[in-house]
Amino acid sequence: MAIELFKASQACGSSLAFFSDFLEKKLDINATEATWVLAFFLSSMPQCVNDNPSLEQALRRTVIEVRQKLKDMEKGNEGN
């Protein structure tokens, strides 16, 4: 279980770095500003999900995809 959490943590960190870079370019801001914007954005997400049923449905679809990917990985298949 620990290795799965480590891999998930790495994936999360990579995704946050990717999104931070995206914000820098998209909004023409520096790395510090992008990190703060990302923090504020993420902290507002629970309310956004509560207020937006289509966003919740998108998250539920993502859960299904992630669960399938994890099952495929457990079987030794990368699930591409």
N, C-alpha and C. Protein backbone atom coordinates (compact mmCIF):
# COMPACT_ATOMS: atom_id res chain seq x y z
N MET A 1 0.82 -1.20 0.00
CA MET A 1 0.00 0.00 0.00
C MET A 1 0.87 1.26 0.00
N ALA A 2 1.99 1.24 0.69
CA ALA A 2 2.84 2.43 0.78
C ALA A 2 3.37 2.85 -0.58
N ILE A 3 3.73 1.88 -1.42
CA ILE A 3 4.26 2.21 -2.74
C ILE A 3 3.19 2.86 -3.62
N GLU A 4 1.94 2.40 -3.48
CA GLU A 4 0.85 3.00 -4.25
C GLU A 4 0.63 4.45 -3.84
N LEU A 5 0.71 4.72 -2.55
CA LEU A 5 0.55 6.10 -2.07
C LEU A 5 1.70 6.97 -2.54
N PHE A 6 2.90 6.40 -2.55
CA PHE A 6 4.06 7.14 -3.03
C PHE A 6 3.90 7.50 -4.50
N LYS A 7 3.49 6.52 -5.31
CA LYS A 7 3.28 6.77 -6.74
C LYS A 7 2.18 7.81 -6.96
N ALA A 8 1.10 7.70 -6.19
CA ALA A 8 0.00 8.67 -6.32
C ALA A 8 0.47 10.06 -5.92
N SER A 9 1.29 10.14 -4.89
CA SER A 9 1.83 11.42 -4.45
C SER A 9 2.72 12.03 -5.53
N GLN A 10 3.54 11.21 -6.17
CA GLN A 10 4.38 11.69 -7.26
C GLN A 10 3.53 12.20 -8.42
N ALA A 11 2.49 11.47 -8.76
CA ALA A 11 1.60 11.87 -9.85
C ALA A 11 0.91 13.18 -9.52
N CYS A 12 0.49 13.33 -8.27
CA CYS A 12 -0.16 14.57 -7.84
C CYS A 12 0.81 15.74 -7.93
N GLY A 13 2.02 15.54 -7.46
CA GLY A 13 3.03 16.60 -7.53
C GLY A 13 3.34 17.00 -8.96
N SER A 14 3.44 16.01 -9.84
CA SER A 14 3.70 16.31 -11.25
C SER A 14 2.55 17.09 -11.87
N SER A 15 1.33 16.70 -11.52
CA SER A 15 0.15 17.40 -12.05
C SER A 15 0.08 18.83 -11.54
N LEU A 16 0.41 19.04 -10.27
CA LEU A 16 0.40 20.39 -9.72
C LEU A 16 1.46 21.26 -10.40
N ALA A 17 2.63 20.69 -10.63
CA ALA A 17 3.69 21.44 -11.31
C ALA A 17 3.27 21.78 -12.74
N PHE A 18 2.66 20.82 -13.43
CA PHE A 18 2.18 21.06 -14.79
C PHE A 18 1.14 22.18 -14.81
N PHE A 19 0.18 22.13 -13.87
CA PHE A 19 -0.87 23.15 -13.83
C PHE A 19 -0.30 24.51 -13.44
N SER A 20 0.67 24.53 -12.55
CA SER A 20 1.31 25.79 -12.17
C SER A 20 2.01 26.41 -13.37
N ASP A 21 2.72 25.59 -14.14
CA ASP A 21 3.36 26.09 -15.36
C ASP A 21 2.32 26.62 -16.35
N PHE A 22 1.22 25.90 -16.47
CA PHE A 22 0.13 26.34 -17.34
C PHE A 22 -0.39 27.71 -16.91
N LEU A 23 -0.60 27.88 -15.60
CA LEU A 23 -1.10 29.16 -15.09
C LEU A 23 -0.12 30.29 -15.37
N GLU A 24 1.17 30.03 -15.20
CA GLU A 24 2.19 31.05 -15.49
C GLU A 24 2.06 31.54 -16.92
N LYS A 25 1.96 30.61 -17.84
CA LYS A 25 1.89 30.99 -19.26
C LYS A 25 0.54 31.61 -19.61
N LYS A 26 -0.53 30.98 -19.16
CA LYS A 26 -1.88 31.42 -19.52
C LYS A 26 -2.20 32.80 -18.95
N LEU A 27 -1.76 33.06 -17.72
CA LEU A 27 -2.11 34.30 -17.03
C LEU A 27 -0.97 35.31 -17.02
N ASP A 28 0.16 34.95 -17.62
CA ASP A 28 1.34 35.82 -17.67
C ASP A 28 1.74 36.27 -16.26
N ILE A 29 1.98 35.27 -15.39
CA ILE A 29 2.36 35.54 -14.00
C ILE A 29 3.64 34.76 -13.69
N ASN A 30 4.27 35.11 -12.56
CA ASN A 30 5.50 34.41 -12.19
C ASN A 30 5.17 33.15 -11.37
N ALA A 31 6.20 32.37 -11.05
CA ALA A 31 6.01 31.09 -10.36
C ALA A 31 5.38 31.25 -8.98
N THR A 32 5.78 32.28 -8.25
CA THR A 32 5.20 32.51 -6.92
C THR A 32 3.72 32.83 -7.03
N GLU A 33 3.39 33.72 -7.96
CA GLU A 33 1.98 34.07 -8.16
C GLU A 33 1.17 32.85 -8.60
N ALA A 34 1.74 32.05 -9.48
CA ALA A 34 1.04 30.86 -9.96
C ALA A 34 0.78 29.88 -8.83
N THR A 35 1.74 29.74 -7.94
CA THR A 35 1.57 28.83 -6.80
C THR A 35 0.44 29.31 -5.89
N TRP A 36 0.39 30.61 -5.63
CA TRP A 36 -0.69 31.16 -4.81
C TRP A 36 -2.05 31.05 -5.50
N VAL A 37 -2.08 31.33 -6.79
CA VAL A 37 -3.34 31.19 -7.54
C VAL A 37 -3.81 29.75 -7.48
N LEU A 38 -2.89 28.82 -7.65
CA LEU A 38 -3.23 27.40 -7.58
C LEU A 38 -3.77 27.03 -6.21
N ALA A 39 -3.15 27.53 -5.16
CA ALA A 39 -3.62 27.25 -3.79
C ALA A 39 -5.03 27.78 -3.57
N PHE A 40 -5.29 29.01 -3.99
CA PHE A 40 -6.63 29.57 -3.84
C PHE A 40 -7.64 28.80 -4.69
N PHE A 41 -7.24 28.47 -5.90
CA PHE A 41 -8.12 27.72 -6.80
C PHE A 41 -8.49 26.37 -6.19
N LEU A 42 -7.50 25.64 -5.71
CA LEU A 42 -7.77 24.32 -5.13
C LEU A 42 -8.61 24.41 -3.87
N SER A 43 -8.39 25.46 -3.07
CA SER A 43 -9.19 25.59 -1.84
C SER A 43 -10.65 25.90 -2.14
N SER A 44 -10.93 26.44 -3.33
CA SER A 44 -12.31 26.75 -3.69
C SER A 44 -13.02 25.57 -4.37
N MET A 45 -12.29 24.54 -4.70
CA MET A 45 -12.86 23.43 -5.46
C MET A 45 -14.01 22.71 -4.76
N PRO A 46 -13.96 22.45 -3.45
CA PRO A 46 -15.11 21.77 -2.84
C PRO A 46 -16.43 22.52 -3.07
N GLN A 47 -16.40 23.83 -2.92
CA GLN A 47 -17.62 24.60 -3.14
C GLN A 47 -18.02 24.57 -4.61
N CYS A 48 -17.05 24.63 -5.50
CA CYS A 48 -17.34 24.56 -6.94
C CYS A 48 -18.02 23.24 -7.29
N VAL A 49 -17.52 22.15 -6.72
CA VAL A 49 -18.12 20.84 -6.98
C VAL A 49 -19.54 20.80 -6.43
N ASN A 50 -19.73 21.33 -5.22
CA ASN A 50 -21.07 21.36 -4.64
C ASN A 50 -22.04 22.18 -5.47
N ASP A 51 -21.56 23.26 -6.06
CA ASP A 51 -22.41 24.18 -6.82
C ASP A 51 -22.62 23.76 -8.27
N ASN A 52 -21.84 22.81 -8.75
CA ASN A 52 -21.86 22.48 -10.17
C ASN A 52 -22.01 20.97 -10.37
N PRO A 53 -23.25 20.51 -10.56
CA PRO A 53 -23.47 19.07 -10.73
C PRO A 53 -22.69 18.46 -11.90
N SER A 54 -22.48 19.21 -12.97
CA SER A 54 -21.74 18.63 -14.10
C SER A 54 -20.27 18.40 -13.73
N LEU A 55 -19.72 19.25 -12.88
CA LEU A 55 -18.36 19.05 -12.41
C LEU A 55 -18.28 17.80 -11.53
N GLU A 56 -19.28 17.63 -10.69
CA GLU A 56 -19.32 16.43 -9.85
C GLU A 56 -19.40 15.17 -10.73
N GLN A 57 -20.21 15.22 -11.77
CA GLN A 57 -20.32 14.07 -12.67
C GLN A 57 -18.99 13.79 -13.38
N ALA A 58 -18.30 14.85 -13.77
CA ALA A 58 -16.99 14.68 -14.40
C ALA A 58 -16.01 14.01 -13.43
N LEU A 59 -16.07 14.42 -12.17
CA LEU A 59 -15.20 13.79 -11.16
C LEU A 59 -15.56 12.33 -10.98
N ARG A 60 -16.85 12.02 -10.98
CA ARG A 60 -17.28 10.62 -10.83
C ARG A 60 -16.81 9.77 -12.01
N ARG A 61 -16.84 10.33 -13.22
CA ARG A 61 -16.32 9.60 -14.38
C ARG A 61 -14.82 9.37 -14.24
N THR A 62 -14.13 10.37 -13.71
CA THR A 62 -12.69 10.23 -13.49
C THR A 62 -12.39 9.15 -12.47
N VAL A 63 -13.22 9.06 -11.43
CA VAL A 63 -13.05 8.00 -10.43
C VAL A 63 -13.13 6.63 -11.10
N ILE A 64 -14.10 6.46 -11.98
CA ILE A 64 -14.25 5.18 -12.69
C ILE A 64 -13.01 4.88 -13.52
N GLU A 65 -12.51 5.88 -14.23
CA GLU A 65 -11.30 5.70 -15.04
C GLU A 65 -10.09 5.35 -14.18
N VAL A 66 -9.94 6.04 -13.06
CA VAL A 66 -8.80 5.80 -12.16
C VAL A 66 -8.89 4.39 -11.58
N ARG A 67 -10.07 3.99 -11.16
CA ARG A 67 -10.22 2.64 -10.60
C ARG A 67 -9.85 1.58 -11.63
N GLN A 68 -10.27 1.79 -12.87
CA GLN A 68 -9.93 0.82 -13.92
C GLN A 68 -8.43 0.81 -14.17
N LYS A 69 -7.82 1.97 -14.21
CA LYS A 69 -6.37 2.07 -14.42
C LYS A 69 -5.62 1.34 -13.29
N LEU A 70 -6.06 1.53 -12.06
CA LEU A 70 -5.42 0.86 -10.93
C LEU A 70 -5.58 -0.66 -11.02
N LYS A 71 -6.76 -1.12 -11.42
CA LYS A 71 -6.96 -2.56 -11.60
C LYS A 71 -6.03 -3.10 -12.68
N ASP A 72 -5.93 -2.37 -13.79
CA ASP A 72 -5.04 -2.79 -14.87
C ASP A 72 -3.59 -2.85 -14.40
N MET A 73 -3.18 -1.86 -13.61
CA MET A 73 -1.81 -1.83 -13.11
C MET A 73 -1.55 -3.00 -12.17
N GLU A 74 -2.54 -3.36 -11.35
CA GLU A 74 -2.39 -4.50 -10.44
C GLU A 74 -2.19 -5.79 -11.21
N LYS A 75 -2.80 -5.89 -12.37
CA LYS A 75 -2.68 -7.09 -13.20
C LYS A 75 -1.39 -7.11 -14.00
N GLY A 76 -0.59 -6.04 -13.87
CA GLY A 76 0.66 -5.97 -14.62
C GLY A 76 0.49 -5.38 -16.00
N ASN A 77 -0.70 -4.87 -16.26
CA ASN A 77 -1.00 -4.26 -17.55
C ASN A 77 -1.08 -2.76 -17.32
N GLU A 78 -0.35 -1.99 -18.09
CA GLU A 78 -0.35 -0.53 -17.90
C GLU A 78 -1.67 0.09 -18.33
N GLY A 79 -2.53 -0.64 -18.99
CA GLY A 79 -3.85 -0.14 -19.31
C GLY A 79 -3.88 0.99 -20.31
N ASN A 80 -2.92 1.03 -21.20
CA ASN A 80 -2.88 2.11 -22.19
C ASN A 80 -3.99 1.93 -23.12
